[in-house]
Amino acid sequence: MDSLCLGLPPELCQQLEAESQVIKIKVERRKIGKVVTVIEGIDSRSFDLKKLASYLKSKLAAGGTVKNGRIEIQGDHRNKIKKILVEELGFNPDNIMFIEEG
């Protein structure tokens, strides 16, 4: 965190970190046909993943969890999650990619 910031104010530093992270959003199918949206690549040292997951769950009215540095939200919410990450949290849209399971 400090190496990127170089004495910048914390708000500006967090904005820079949000813009520089590469985030992968994908949908995984679980047993019994359940679908989960998985968000990977958000640095847990810069962002509290549990708080972020909680925020996304309340915005999407869905359940979810944080496991192994990934946020998992029940249901297919790829586009809504990208919109929230960009418009509300300041992530760079060019650094958010959808991964297709094949």
N, C-alpha and C. Protein backbone atom coordinates (compact mmCIF):
# COMPACT_ATOMS: atom_id res chain seq x y z
N MET A 1 0.83 -1.18 0.00
CA MET A 1 0.00 0.00 0.00
C MET A 1 0.87 1.24 0.00
N ASP A 2 1.86 1.32 0.88
CA ASP A 2 2.66 2.52 1.01
C ASP A 2 3.52 2.79 -0.22
N SER A 3 4.00 1.75 -0.88
CA SER A 3 4.88 1.95 -2.03
C SER A 3 4.14 2.66 -3.17
N LEU A 4 2.86 2.39 -3.33
CA LEU A 4 2.09 3.03 -4.39
C LEU A 4 1.72 4.47 -4.01
N CYS A 5 1.52 4.72 -2.73
CA CYS A 5 0.98 6.00 -2.28
C CYS A 5 2.00 7.13 -2.24
N LEU A 6 3.21 6.84 -1.80
CA LEU A 6 4.27 7.85 -1.74
C LEU A 6 3.81 9.14 -1.07
N GLY A 7 3.20 9.02 0.10
CA GLY A 7 2.82 10.20 0.87
C GLY A 7 1.54 10.88 0.43
N LEU A 8 0.78 10.27 -0.45
CA LEU A 8 -0.48 10.87 -0.87
C LEU A 8 -1.52 10.75 0.24
N PRO A 9 -2.53 11.62 0.23
CA PRO A 9 -3.61 11.49 1.23
C PRO A 9 -4.31 10.13 1.08
N PRO A 10 -4.80 9.57 2.20
CA PRO A 10 -5.40 8.23 2.17
C PRO A 10 -6.53 8.07 1.15
N GLU A 11 -7.39 9.09 0.98
CA GLU A 11 -8.51 8.96 0.03
C GLU A 11 -7.97 8.81 -1.38
N LEU A 12 -6.98 9.62 -1.72
CA LEU A 12 -6.39 9.57 -3.06
C LEU A 12 -5.67 8.25 -3.26
N CYS A 13 -5.00 7.80 -2.22
CA CYS A 13 -4.29 6.53 -2.28
C CYS A 13 -5.26 5.38 -2.55
N GLN A 14 -6.38 5.36 -1.84
CA GLN A 14 -7.36 4.28 -2.03
C GLN A 14 -7.93 4.34 -3.45
N GLN A 15 -8.14 5.55 -3.96
CA GLN A 15 -8.63 5.70 -5.33
C GLN A 15 -7.62 5.12 -6.32
N LEU A 16 -6.34 5.42 -6.12
CA LEU A 16 -5.29 4.88 -7.00
C LEU A 16 -5.26 3.36 -6.94
N GLU A 17 -5.39 2.80 -5.74
CA GLU A 17 -5.36 1.35 -5.61
C GLU A 17 -6.58 0.72 -6.26
N ALA A 18 -7.74 1.35 -6.12
CA ALA A 18 -8.96 0.83 -6.74
C ALA A 18 -8.80 0.82 -8.26
N GLU A 19 -8.19 1.87 -8.80
CA GLU A 19 -8.06 1.97 -10.25
C GLU A 19 -7.02 1.00 -10.81
N SER A 20 -6.05 0.59 -9.99
CA SER A 20 -4.95 -0.22 -10.52
C SER A 20 -5.19 -1.73 -10.39
N GLN A 21 -6.22 -2.15 -9.69
CA GLN A 21 -6.44 -3.57 -9.48
C GLN A 21 -7.17 -4.22 -10.66
N VAL A 22 -6.75 -5.41 -11.00
CA VAL A 22 -7.41 -6.17 -12.07
C VAL A 22 -8.38 -7.15 -11.39
N ILE A 23 -9.65 -7.00 -11.70
CA ILE A 23 -10.68 -7.78 -11.04
C ILE A 23 -11.32 -8.74 -12.05
N LYS A 24 -11.49 -9.97 -11.62
CA LYS A 24 -12.12 -10.98 -12.49
C LYS A 24 -13.47 -11.35 -11.87
N ILE A 25 -14.50 -11.30 -12.69
CA ILE A 25 -15.84 -11.68 -12.25
C ILE A 25 -16.28 -12.87 -13.11
N LYS A 26 -16.70 -13.93 -12.44
CA LYS A 26 -17.16 -15.10 -13.20
C LYS A 26 -18.32 -15.74 -12.48
N VAL A 27 -19.04 -16.58 -13.21
CA VAL A 27 -20.17 -17.31 -12.65
C VAL A 27 -19.77 -18.78 -12.57
N GLU A 28 -19.96 -19.36 -11.39
CA GLU A 28 -19.69 -20.78 -11.22
C GLU A 28 -20.99 -21.50 -10.94
N ARG A 29 -21.13 -22.68 -11.51
CA ARG A 29 -22.31 -23.50 -11.24
C ARG A 29 -21.96 -24.48 -10.13
N ARG A 30 -22.84 -24.54 -9.16
CA ARG A 30 -22.63 -25.46 -8.03
C ARG A 30 -23.59 -26.62 -8.15
N LYS A 31 -23.49 -27.53 -7.20
CA LYS A 31 -24.40 -28.68 -7.24
C LYS A 31 -25.85 -28.22 -7.12
N ILE A 32 -26.74 -29.03 -7.56
CA ILE A 32 -28.19 -28.78 -7.60
C ILE A 32 -28.51 -27.53 -8.44
N GLY A 33 -27.68 -27.22 -9.42
CA GLY A 33 -27.98 -26.12 -10.33
C GLY A 33 -27.84 -24.72 -9.77
N LYS A 34 -27.26 -24.57 -8.58
CA LYS A 34 -27.10 -23.23 -8.00
C LYS A 34 -26.01 -22.47 -8.74
N VAL A 35 -26.19 -21.16 -8.88
CA VAL A 35 -25.23 -20.31 -9.57
C VAL A 35 -24.67 -19.31 -8.56
N VAL A 36 -23.35 -19.08 -8.64
CA VAL A 36 -22.68 -18.15 -7.74
C VAL A 36 -21.81 -17.22 -8.58
N THR A 37 -21.87 -15.92 -8.31
CA THR A 37 -20.97 -14.96 -8.95
C THR A 37 -19.74 -14.82 -8.07
N VAL A 38 -18.56 -15.02 -8.66
CA VAL A 38 -17.30 -14.96 -7.91
C VAL A 38 -16.51 -13.75 -8.36
N ILE A 39 -16.03 -12.97 -7.38
CA ILE A 39 -15.22 -11.79 -7.66
C ILE A 39 -13.82 -12.06 -7.10
N GLU A 40 -12.82 -12.02 -7.97
CA GLU A 40 -11.43 -12.27 -7.57
C GLU A 40 -10.57 -11.08 -7.96
N GLY A 41 -9.46 -10.92 -7.24
CA GLY A 41 -8.47 -9.91 -7.64
C GLY A 41 -8.53 -8.63 -6.84
N ILE A 42 -9.45 -8.49 -5.89
CA ILE A 42 -9.47 -7.30 -5.05
C ILE A 42 -8.48 -7.53 -3.92
N ASP A 43 -7.54 -6.63 -3.75
CA ASP A 43 -6.47 -6.78 -2.76
C ASP A 43 -7.02 -6.66 -1.35
N SER A 44 -6.91 -7.74 -0.59
CA SER A 44 -7.47 -7.75 0.77
C SER A 44 -6.68 -6.87 1.72
N ARG A 45 -5.48 -6.43 1.32
CA ARG A 45 -4.73 -5.50 2.17
C ARG A 45 -5.24 -4.07 2.00
N SER A 46 -5.84 -3.79 0.84
CA SER A 46 -6.35 -2.45 0.56
C SER A 46 -7.82 -2.30 0.89
N PHE A 47 -8.57 -3.40 0.78
CA PHE A 47 -10.01 -3.35 0.98
C PHE A 47 -10.43 -4.44 1.95
N ASP A 48 -11.38 -4.12 2.82
CA ASP A 48 -11.93 -5.12 3.73
C ASP A 48 -12.94 -5.94 2.93
N LEU A 49 -12.54 -7.15 2.55
CA LEU A 49 -13.40 -7.98 1.70
C LEU A 49 -14.72 -8.32 2.37
N LYS A 50 -14.71 -8.52 3.69
CA LYS A 50 -15.95 -8.84 4.39
C LYS A 50 -16.93 -7.66 4.32
N LYS A 51 -16.41 -6.45 4.50
CA LYS A 51 -17.28 -5.26 4.41
C LYS A 51 -17.79 -5.09 2.98
N LEU A 52 -16.90 -5.28 2.02
CA LEU A 52 -17.28 -5.14 0.62
C LEU A 52 -18.33 -6.19 0.24
N ALA A 53 -18.14 -7.43 0.69
CA ALA A 53 -19.11 -8.49 0.42
C ALA A 53 -20.45 -8.14 1.05
N SER A 54 -20.41 -7.64 2.27
CA SER A 54 -21.63 -7.26 2.98
C SER A 54 -22.38 -6.16 2.21
N TYR A 55 -21.62 -5.18 1.71
CA TYR A 55 -22.21 -4.09 0.94
C TYR A 55 -22.86 -4.63 -0.33
N LEU A 56 -22.14 -5.47 -1.05
CA LEU A 56 -22.68 -6.03 -2.30
C LEU A 56 -23.92 -6.88 -2.03
N LYS A 57 -23.88 -7.68 -0.97
CA LYS A 57 -25.03 -8.53 -0.64
C LYS A 57 -26.26 -7.68 -0.36
N SER A 58 -26.08 -6.57 0.37
CA SER A 58 -27.25 -5.73 0.67
C SER A 58 -27.74 -5.00 -0.58
N LYS A 59 -26.83 -4.55 -1.45
CA LYS A 59 -27.24 -3.88 -2.69
C LYS A 59 -27.96 -4.84 -3.64
N LEU A 60 -27.55 -6.10 -3.64
CA LEU A 60 -28.10 -7.09 -4.58
C LEU A 60 -29.19 -7.95 -3.97
N ALA A 61 -29.45 -7.76 -2.69
CA ALA A 61 -30.44 -8.58 -1.98
C ALA A 61 -30.16 -10.07 -2.19
N ALA A 62 -28.91 -10.45 -1.95
CA ALA A 62 -28.49 -11.83 -2.17
C ALA A 62 -27.58 -12.27 -1.03
N GLY A 63 -27.47 -13.57 -0.86
CA GLY A 63 -26.55 -14.12 0.12
C GLY A 63 -25.17 -14.22 -0.48
N GLY A 64 -24.19 -14.48 0.36
CA GLY A 64 -22.84 -14.64 -0.14
C GLY A 64 -21.84 -14.80 0.98
N THR A 65 -20.56 -14.91 0.61
CA THR A 65 -19.51 -15.12 1.59
C THR A 65 -18.17 -14.68 1.02
N VAL A 66 -17.15 -14.70 1.88
CA VAL A 66 -15.78 -14.46 1.45
C VAL A 66 -15.01 -15.74 1.75
N LYS A 67 -14.36 -16.28 0.71
CA LYS A 67 -13.57 -17.50 0.87
C LYS A 67 -12.28 -17.37 0.09
N ASN A 68 -11.17 -17.68 0.72
CA ASN A 68 -9.86 -17.70 0.05
C ASN A 68 -9.59 -16.43 -0.77
N GLY A 69 -9.92 -15.27 -0.21
CA GLY A 69 -9.66 -14.01 -0.91
C GLY A 69 -10.60 -13.72 -2.06
N ARG A 70 -11.69 -14.49 -2.16
CA ARG A 70 -12.68 -14.27 -3.21
C ARG A 70 -14.01 -13.94 -2.56
N ILE A 71 -14.78 -13.08 -3.21
CA ILE A 71 -16.14 -12.80 -2.76
C ILE A 71 -17.08 -13.64 -3.61
N GLU A 72 -17.99 -14.36 -2.95
CA GLU A 72 -18.96 -15.19 -3.67
C GLU A 72 -20.36 -14.68 -3.33
N ILE A 73 -21.13 -14.34 -4.37
CA ILE A 73 -22.49 -13.85 -4.19
C ILE A 73 -23.44 -14.82 -4.89
N GLN A 74 -24.50 -15.21 -4.21
CA GLN A 74 -25.44 -16.17 -4.79
C GLN A 74 -26.20 -15.53 -5.96
N GLY A 75 -26.29 -16.26 -7.06
CA GLY A 75 -26.99 -15.78 -8.25
C GLY A 75 -26.02 -15.20 -9.27
N ASP A 76 -26.53 -14.88 -10.45
CA ASP A 76 -25.72 -14.27 -11.51
C ASP A 76 -25.93 -12.76 -11.47
N HIS A 77 -24.93 -12.06 -10.93
CA HIS A 77 -25.02 -10.60 -10.78
C HIS A 77 -23.84 -9.90 -11.44
N ARG A 78 -23.26 -10.51 -12.46
CA ARG A 78 -22.03 -9.97 -13.06
C ARG A 78 -22.15 -8.50 -13.43
N ASN A 79 -23.16 -8.14 -14.21
CA ASN A 79 -23.25 -6.76 -14.69
C ASN A 79 -23.54 -5.77 -13.57
N LYS A 80 -24.41 -6.16 -12.64
CA LYS A 80 -24.72 -5.27 -11.51
C LYS A 80 -23.48 -5.04 -10.65
N ILE A 81 -22.72 -6.10 -10.42
CA ILE A 81 -21.52 -5.98 -9.59
C ILE A 81 -20.51 -5.06 -10.27
N LYS A 82 -20.31 -5.22 -11.56
CA LYS A 82 -19.36 -4.35 -12.28
C LYS A 82 -19.81 -2.90 -12.15
N LYS A 83 -21.10 -2.65 -12.32
CA LYS A 83 -21.63 -1.28 -12.23
C LYS A 83 -21.37 -0.69 -10.84
N ILE A 84 -21.60 -1.46 -9.79
CA ILE A 84 -21.38 -0.99 -8.42
C ILE A 84 -19.88 -0.71 -8.20
N LEU A 85 -19.02 -1.64 -8.64
CA LEU A 85 -17.58 -1.47 -8.45
C LEU A 85 -17.07 -0.21 -9.13
N VAL A 86 -17.60 0.09 -10.31
CA VAL A 86 -17.13 1.24 -11.08
C VAL A 86 -17.76 2.54 -10.56
N GLU A 87 -19.10 2.58 -10.50
CA GLU A 87 -19.79 3.83 -10.20
C GLU A 87 -19.75 4.21 -8.73
N GLU A 88 -19.78 3.23 -7.83
CA GLU A 88 -19.85 3.55 -6.41
C GLU A 88 -18.52 3.42 -5.70
N LEU A 89 -17.64 2.55 -6.19
CA LEU A 89 -16.40 2.29 -5.46
C LEU A 89 -15.15 2.74 -6.20
N GLY A 90 -15.29 3.27 -7.41
CA GLY A 90 -14.17 3.89 -8.10
C GLY A 90 -13.19 2.96 -8.79
N PHE A 91 -13.59 1.71 -9.04
CA PHE A 91 -12.70 0.81 -9.76
C PHE A 91 -12.70 1.17 -11.24
N ASN A 92 -11.57 0.92 -11.90
CA ASN A 92 -11.42 1.22 -13.33
C ASN A 92 -12.17 0.16 -14.14
N PRO A 93 -13.15 0.58 -14.97
CA PRO A 93 -13.92 -0.40 -15.75
C PRO A 93 -13.05 -1.22 -16.70
N ASP A 94 -11.93 -0.66 -17.15
CA ASP A 94 -11.05 -1.39 -18.07
C ASP A 94 -10.32 -2.53 -17.37
N ASN A 95 -10.26 -2.49 -16.03
CA ASN A 95 -9.57 -3.52 -15.27
C ASN A 95 -10.51 -4.57 -14.70
N ILE A 96 -11.79 -4.50 -15.09
CA ILE A 96 -12.75 -5.50 -14.63
C ILE A 96 -13.12 -6.37 -15.82
N MET A 97 -12.83 -7.67 -15.69
CA MET A 97 -13.13 -8.54 -16.83
C MET A 97 -14.02 -9.70 -16.41
N PHE A 98 -14.86 -10.09 -17.34
CA PHE A 98 -15.72 -11.24 -17.12
C PHE A 98 -14.97 -12.48 -17.64
N ILE A 99 -14.91 -13.50 -16.83
CA ILE A 99 -14.28 -14.75 -17.21
C ILE A 99 -15.38 -15.76 -17.49
N GLU A 100 -15.34 -16.35 -18.66
CA GLU A 100 -16.34 -17.36 -19.02
C GLU A 100 -15.82 -18.73 -18.63
N GLU A 101 -16.62 -19.46 -17.91
CA GLU A 101 -16.25 -20.83 -17.55
C GLU A 101 -16.43 -21.72 -18.78
N GLY A 102 -15.45 -22.51 -19.08
CA GLY A 102 -15.59 -23.32 -20.28
C GLY A 102 -15.31 -24.69 -20.09
